[in-house]
């Protein structure tokens, strides 16, 4: 899953135990060694190893306290801790798990067991990290999708609003145009009726009637044309 060597911090005040662990793990892993709890906390803070093999009984700060402090630090709490102990009592194991340990390796060490337990928990850690990475990616994709959906919905709402506004404008313009057409129709009908009444009036009156425009005849009634022995059209044309 990862080409680099995993890093392991070994914490034990007994050099003989450290020697056994180094011989067992050195070929496969990048190892660091400290002899007490305070040094372990300082190293973890600086380097963040992939896994910690931690002795319980040490001078000063014991393994339980070291583990509790690690688990209270957000940057360090996910580092798996395997306790190294000669203790076999159930209450000691319970205390270790309550402190945050993931496993125990009992002294004297069996190299095969050490390698198997370390590999198992490193694989679990890698899987957990990969799962967290995938979850972050999925959450980001969900956020991006929701943002895109929100943007699309906003655009759709704005478009719908513009369509409604434009439709309202067109309906209003259509109503205004219809009103103007109706007004023009009424005006034209009124003018036509007036012209017809005027024509009938001038054609039937006994007196001669004419209309000049720029000193030229543009209209004569039959009575006026008869005075010159011409038709109306002929009289207008001979000017």
Protein backbone atom coordinates (compact mmCIF):
# COMPACT_ATOMS: atom_id res chain seq x y z
CA UNK A 1 0.00 0.00 0.00
CA UNK A 2 2.96 2.30 0.69
CA UNK A 3 6.50 1.86 -0.65
CA UNK A 4 8.23 3.54 2.30
CA UNK A 5 9.17 1.63 5.43
CA UNK A 6 6.79 1.98 8.35
CA UNK A 7 8.26 3.70 11.39
CA UNK A 8 8.13 2.02 14.79
CA UNK A 9 8.97 3.57 18.17
CA UNK A 10 10.25 1.04 20.75
CA UNK A 11 9.89 2.17 24.37
CA UNK A 12 11.46 -0.01 27.09
CA UNK A 13 13.94 0.60 29.90
CA UNK A 14 15.43 -2.91 29.53
CA UNK A 15 18.09 -3.04 26.82
CA UNK A 16 17.84 -6.83 26.49
CA UNK A 17 14.21 -6.51 25.47
CA UNK A 18 15.02 -3.70 23.06
CA UNK A 19 17.79 -5.79 21.52
CA UNK A 20 15.36 -8.65 20.87
CA UNK A 21 12.81 -6.31 19.29
CA UNK A 22 15.41 -4.63 17.09
CA UNK A 23 16.69 -7.99 15.83
CA UNK A 24 13.13 -9.08 15.12
CA UNK A 25 11.92 -5.95 13.28
CA UNK A 26 14.94 -4.11 11.90
CA UNK A 27 14.88 -5.75 8.45
CA UNK A 28 11.34 -4.64 7.65
CA UNK A 29 10.85 -1.38 9.53
CA UNK A 30 12.47 1.94 10.36
CA UNK A 31 13.04 1.72 14.13
CA UNK A 32 13.57 4.35 16.84
CA UNK A 33 14.40 3.49 20.47
CA UNK A 34 13.82 5.42 23.74
CA UNK A 35 14.18 4.26 27.34
CA UNK A 36 11.45 6.12 29.27
CA UNK A 37 7.99 7.64 29.03
CA UNK A 38 9.00 11.30 28.85
CA UNK A 39 11.38 10.63 25.98
CA UNK A 40 8.66 8.64 24.25
CA UNK A 41 6.24 11.59 24.37
CA UNK A 42 8.90 13.97 23.03
CA UNK A 43 9.76 11.61 20.17
CA UNK A 44 6.14 11.04 19.20
CA UNK A 45 5.46 14.77 19.20
CA UNK A 46 8.37 15.36 16.81
CA UNK A 47 8.18 12.35 14.47
CA UNK A 48 4.69 10.76 14.69
CA UNK A 49 5.69 7.09 14.22
CA UNK A 50 3.31 4.65 12.55
CA UNK A 51 3.10 2.40 15.61
CA UNK A 52 4.45 2.32 19.19
CA UNK A 53 5.61 -0.73 21.16
CA UNK A 54 5.40 0.49 24.75
CA UNK A 55 6.59 -1.13 27.97
CA UNK A 56 4.19 -0.82 30.91
CA UNK A 57 6.55 -0.92 33.89
CA UNK A 58 9.19 1.80 33.58
CA UNK A 59 10.85 4.23 36.02
CA UNK A 60 8.98 7.52 36.27
CA UNK A 61 6.00 7.67 33.95
CA UNK A 62 4.58 4.20 33.30
CA UNK A 63 3.19 2.95 30.01
CA UNK A 64 -0.44 3.47 31.02
CA UNK A 65 0.10 7.21 31.57
CA UNK A 66 2.11 7.57 28.36
CA UNK A 67 -0.70 5.93 26.41
CA UNK A 68 -3.39 8.09 28.02
CA UNK A 69 -1.49 11.27 27.12
CA UNK A 70 -1.04 10.11 23.55
CA UNK A 71 -4.74 9.41 23.18
CA UNK A 72 -5.61 12.88 24.50
CA UNK A 73 -3.61 14.55 21.72
CA UNK A 74 -5.59 14.97 18.46
CA UNK A 75 -2.42 14.64 16.38
CA UNK A 76 -1.29 11.44 18.11
CA UNK A 77 -4.46 9.66 19.18
CA UNK A 78 -4.70 7.47 16.06
CA UNK A 79 -1.20 5.98 16.45
CA UNK A 80 -1.68 2.34 17.52
CA UNK A 81 0.00 1.40 20.81
CA UNK A 82 0.95 -2.20 21.62
CA UNK A 83 1.93 -2.80 25.24
CA UNK A 84 5.01 -4.86 26.12
CA UNK A 85 4.54 -6.57 29.44
CA UNK A 86 5.32 -9.53 31.60
CA UNK A 87 2.06 -8.97 33.42
CA UNK A 88 -0.58 -11.57 32.85
CA UNK A 89 -3.37 -10.44 35.13
CA UNK A 90 -6.68 -9.60 33.48
CA UNK A 91 -7.00 -6.29 35.34
CA UNK A 92 -3.68 -5.14 33.87
CA UNK A 93 -4.85 -5.95 30.36
CA UNK A 94 -8.15 -4.19 31.02
CA UNK A 95 -6.32 -1.11 32.28
CA UNK A 96 -4.19 -1.12 29.13
CA UNK A 97 -7.16 -1.28 26.79
CA UNK A 98 -8.92 1.44 28.79
CA UNK A 99 -5.82 3.62 28.39
CA UNK A 100 -6.11 3.21 24.61
CA UNK A 101 -3.84 0.30 23.66
CA UNK A 102 -4.80 -1.88 20.70
CA UNK A 103 -2.94 -5.04 21.75
CA UNK A 104 -0.46 -6.76 24.09
CA UNK A 105 2.79 -8.62 23.47
CA UNK A 106 3.88 -10.68 26.44
CA UNK A 107 7.50 -11.08 27.54
CA UNK A 108 9.57 -13.09 26.78
CA UNK A 109 8.96 -12.18 23.15
CA UNK A 110 8.20 -14.69 20.43
CA UNK A 111 9.62 -13.12 17.22
CA UNK A 112 6.89 -14.62 15.03
CA UNK A 113 4.19 -13.27 17.31
CA UNK A 114 5.83 -9.84 17.42
CA UNK A 115 6.06 -9.61 13.63
CA UNK A 116 2.50 -10.89 13.16
CA UNK A 117 0.94 -8.47 15.66
CA UNK A 118 2.92 -5.50 14.39
CA UNK A 119 2.03 -6.25 10.76
CA UNK A 120 -1.64 -6.74 11.60
CA UNK A 121 -1.96 -3.40 13.34
CA UNK A 122 0.06 -1.55 10.72
CA UNK A 123 -2.21 -2.98 8.03
CA UNK A 124 -5.23 -1.90 10.05
CA UNK A 125 -3.75 1.58 10.48
CA UNK A 126 -3.06 1.87 6.75
CA UNK A 127 -6.59 0.72 5.96
CA UNK A 128 -8.00 3.18 8.47
CA UNK A 129 -5.97 6.05 6.99
CA UNK A 130 -7.04 5.09 3.48
CA UNK A 131 -10.66 4.90 4.61
CA UNK A 132 -10.40 8.35 6.20
CA UNK A 133 -8.88 9.68 2.99
CA UNK A 134 -11.71 8.18 0.94
CA UNK A 135 -14.28 9.59 3.38
CA UNK A 136 -12.74 13.06 3.03
CA UNK A 137 -12.85 12.75 -0.76
CA UNK A 138 -16.45 11.56 -0.67
CA UNK A 139 -17.44 14.37 1.67
CA UNK A 140 -15.73 16.89 -0.61
CA UNK A 141 -17.52 15.41 -3.61
CA UNK A 142 -20.83 15.58 -1.75
CA UNK A 143 -20.18 19.22 -0.82
CA UNK A 144 -19.20 20.07 -4.40
CA UNK A 145 -22.27 18.28 -5.76
CA UNK A 146 -24.55 20.08 -3.33
CA UNK A 147 -22.95 23.40 -4.26
CA UNK A 148 -23.39 22.60 -7.96
CA UNK A 149 -27.02 21.59 -7.39
CA UNK A 150 -27.62 24.78 -5.42
CA UNK A 151 -26.03 26.85 -8.19
CA UNK A 152 -28.15 25.09 -10.83
CA UNK A 153 -31.29 25.57 -8.78
CA UNK A 154 -30.47 29.25 -8.30
CA UNK A 155 -29.88 29.65 -12.05
CA UNK A 156 -33.14 27.82 -12.79
CA UNK A 157 -35.04 30.01 -10.33
CA UNK A 158 -33.53 33.17 -11.82
CA UNK A 159 -34.35 32.00 -15.35
CA UNK A 160 -37.91 31.15 -14.34
CA UNK A 161 -38.27 34.57 -12.75
CA UNK A 162 -36.94 36.29 -15.88
CA UNK A 163 -39.33 34.24 -18.04
CA UNK A 164 -42.25 35.21 -15.80
CA UNK A 165 -41.22 38.87 -15.89
CA UNK A 166 -40.81 38.80 -19.67
CA UNK A 167 -44.13 37.02 -20.08
CA UNK A 168 -45.81 39.66 -17.94
CA UNK A 169 -44.17 42.40 -20.02
CA UNK A 170 -45.34 40.77 -23.27
CA UNK A 171 -48.88 40.35 -21.94
CA UNK A 172 -48.92 44.00 -20.89
CA UNK A 173 -47.56 45.09 -24.29
CA UNK A 174 -50.12 42.88 -26.02
CA UNK A 175 -52.93 44.45 -24.01
CA UNK A 176 -51.66 47.95 -24.84
CA UNK A 177 -51.37 47.06 -28.54
CA UNK A 178 -54.88 45.62 -28.53
CA UNK A 179 -56.17 48.81 -26.94
CA UNK A 180 -54.44 50.95 -29.58
CA UNK A 181 -55.80 48.76 -32.39
CA UNK A 182 -59.28 49.07 -30.95
CA UNK A 183 -58.86 52.83 -30.64
CA UNK A 184 -57.62 53.11 -34.24
CA UNK A 185 -60.46 50.89 -35.44
CA UNK A 186 -63.01 53.08 -33.67
CA UNK A 187 -61.35 56.25 -34.99
CA UNK A 188 -61.27 54.88 -38.55
CA UNK A 189 -64.90 53.84 -38.32
CA UNK A 190 -65.81 57.27 -37.02
CA UNK A 191 -63.87 58.99 -39.82
CA UNK A 192 -65.42 56.73 -42.44
CA UNK A 193 -68.87 57.48 -41.12
CA UNK A 194 -68.10 61.21 -41.08
CA UNK A 195 -66.77 61.10 -44.64
CA UNK A 196 -69.85 59.23 -45.79
CA UNK A 197 -72.16 61.74 -44.12
CA UNK A 198 -70.18 64.62 -45.65
CA UNK A 199 -70.29 63.00 -49.11
CA UNK A 200 -74.02 62.47 -48.92
CA UNK A 201 -74.51 66.01 -47.68
CA UNK A 202 -72.43 67.63 -50.44
CA UNK A 203 -73.83 65.45 -53.23
CA UNK A 204 -77.43 66.15 -52.32
CA UNK A 205 -77.18 69.85 -51.56
CA UNK A 206 -78.51 72.16 -54.34
CA UNK A 207 -75.75 74.71 -53.94
CA UNK A 208 -72.34 74.29 -55.53
CA UNK A 209 -69.65 73.17 -53.09
CA UNK A 210 -65.94 72.96 -53.75
CA UNK A 211 -62.71 72.58 -51.79
CA UNK A 212 -59.40 74.20 -52.74
CA UNK A 213 -55.92 73.05 -51.75
CA UNK A 214 -53.02 75.26 -52.81
CA UNK A 215 -55.37 77.13 -55.14
CA UNK A 216 -56.45 73.94 -56.90
CA UNK A 217 -59.76 72.15 -56.79
CA UNK A 218 -59.59 68.92 -54.88
CA UNK A 219 -63.33 68.37 -54.47
CA UNK A 220 -66.48 69.55 -56.20
CA UNK A 221 -70.04 68.40 -55.71
CA UNK A 222 -72.38 67.61 -58.62
CA UNK A 223 -74.14 70.96 -58.33
CA UNK A 224 -70.87 72.86 -58.69
CA UNK A 225 -69.72 70.69 -61.65
CA UNK A 226 -73.07 71.25 -63.39
CA UNK A 227 -72.49 74.96 -63.26
CA UNK A 228 -69.59 74.42 -65.72
CA UNK A 229 -71.15 71.56 -67.67
CA UNK A 230 -68.44 69.12 -66.56
CA UNK A 231 -68.40 66.00 -64.46
CA UNK A 232 -66.76 66.29 -61.03
CA UNK A 233 -63.67 64.34 -62.09
CA UNK A 234 -63.33 66.20 -65.40
CA UNK A 235 -63.59 69.57 -63.72
CA UNK A 236 -60.82 68.68 -61.26
CA UNK A 237 -58.62 67.25 -64.04
CA UNK A 238 -58.76 70.30 -66.42
CA UNK A 239 -57.12 72.71 -64.01
